[in-house]
Amino acid sequence: MVKKNNLFERDVSAFIRLMPQLLKNYPDKYVAIYQEKVIASGDEKMSLLRQVREELGQVTCYIEKVTPEYPQTARIPSMRIISSISISPL
């Protein structure tokens, strides 16, 4: 039996492998990859996830936007931590 993480990794790999065809058939759309196949597509990620869940239940699938810039980069802001604070006595 294949673990869930391995199935998800296969779907991510399938997305990358299928990219040339995805760019032709689904440009600027989100696609849902399940068991290494495109099972649905749409304009919005969350509505696509709802569609997949309605049709297949709580399955784990890979949903990503099809763009030539894949992989997309994410900018994650971070907080600066002040390492020392001096407090003056009253």
Protein backbone atom coordinates (compact mmCIF):
# COMPACT_ATOMS: atom_id res chain seq x y z
CA MET A 1 0.00 0.00 0.00
CA VAL A 2 1.36 3.44 -0.95
CA LYS A 3 1.40 6.10 1.77
CA LYS A 4 -0.66 9.28 1.34
CA ASN A 5 2.48 11.44 1.20
CA ASN A 6 3.86 9.33 -1.65
CA LEU A 7 0.58 9.63 -3.55
CA PHE A 8 0.65 13.41 -3.15
CA GLU A 9 4.29 13.53 -4.31
CA ARG A 10 3.33 11.49 -7.37
CA ASP A 11 0.59 14.00 -8.18
CA VAL A 12 3.05 16.90 -7.81
CA SER A 13 5.47 15.09 -10.12
CA ALA A 14 2.67 14.43 -12.59
CA PHE A 15 1.86 18.15 -12.65
CA ILE A 16 5.46 18.94 -13.57
CA ARG A 17 5.65 16.12 -16.12
CA LEU A 18 2.37 17.15 -17.75
CA MET A 19 3.24 20.85 -17.84
CA PRO A 20 3.65 21.10 -21.66
CA GLN A 21 0.15 19.66 -22.21
CA LEU A 22 -1.30 21.64 -19.31
CA LEU A 23 0.00 24.89 -20.79
CA LYS A 24 -1.75 24.08 -24.06
CA ASN A 25 -5.04 22.89 -22.57
CA TYR A 26 -5.39 24.84 -19.30
CA PRO A 27 -3.40 28.11 -19.54
CA ASP A 28 -3.87 30.33 -16.45
CA LYS A 29 -6.35 27.84 -14.96
CA TYR A 30 -6.10 25.83 -11.79
CA VAL A 31 -5.98 22.08 -12.29
CA ALA A 32 -6.61 19.30 -9.81
CA ILE A 33 -4.29 16.31 -10.18
CA TYR A 34 -5.42 13.05 -8.60
CA GLN A 35 -3.78 9.69 -9.20
CA GLU A 36 -1.46 11.41 -11.70
CA LYS A 37 -4.35 12.62 -13.91
CA VAL A 38 -6.14 15.93 -14.38
CA ILE A 39 -9.57 15.42 -12.85
CA ALA A 40 -10.89 19.00 -12.91
CA SER A 41 -9.98 22.57 -13.79
CA GLY A 42 -11.25 26.03 -12.97
CA ASP A 43 -10.53 29.69 -12.39
CA GLU A 44 -10.48 29.64 -8.57
CA LYS A 45 -8.52 27.29 -6.34
CA MET A 46 -11.04 26.98 -3.50
CA SER A 47 -14.05 26.42 -5.76
CA LEU A 48 -12.05 23.75 -7.59
CA LEU A 49 -11.26 22.05 -4.29
CA ARG A 50 -14.97 22.13 -3.35
CA GLN A 51 -15.85 20.60 -6.73
CA VAL A 52 -13.32 17.78 -6.25
CA ARG A 53 -14.57 17.10 -2.71
CA GLU A 54 -18.20 17.02 -3.89
CA GLU A 55 -17.36 14.51 -6.61
CA LEU A 56 -14.76 12.32 -4.88
CA GLY A 57 -15.04 13.02 -1.15
CA GLN A 58 -12.09 13.88 1.10
CA VAL A 59 -9.32 12.81 -1.25
CA THR A 60 -5.84 14.30 -1.24
CA CYS A 61 -5.07 15.90 -4.58
CA TYR A 62 -2.66 18.52 -5.92
CA ILE A 63 -4.17 21.80 -7.09
CA GLU A 64 -1.98 24.38 -8.81
CA LYS A 65 -2.30 27.18 -11.32
CA VAL A 66 -0.91 26.40 -14.77
CA THR A 67 1.57 29.11 -15.71
CA PRO A 68 4.89 29.10 -17.54
CA GLU A 69 6.47 30.51 -14.37
CA TYR A 70 6.03 27.30 -12.39
CA PRO A 71 7.18 26.80 -9.71
CA GLN A 72 5.58 29.92 -8.37
CA THR A 73 7.53 31.72 -5.74
CA ALA A 74 5.95 32.84 -2.52
CA ARG A 75 7.10 35.80 -0.52
CA ILE A 76 6.73 35.14 3.16
CA PRO A 77 7.23 38.14 5.38
CA SER A 78 8.93 37.59 8.69
CA MET A 79 8.91 39.50 11.92
CA ARG A 80 12.03 41.05 13.34
CA ILE A 81 12.66 39.96 16.87
CA ILE A 82 14.20 42.46 19.21
CA SER A 83 16.87 40.60 21.13
CA SER A 84 17.33 43.05 23.95
CA ILE A 85 15.16 45.73 25.40
CA SER A 86 16.42 48.15 27.96
CA ILE A 87 13.87 49.42 30.41
CA SER A 88 14.77 52.41 32.56
CA PRO A 89 13.66 52.42 36.15
CA LEU A 90 11.09 55.06 37.14
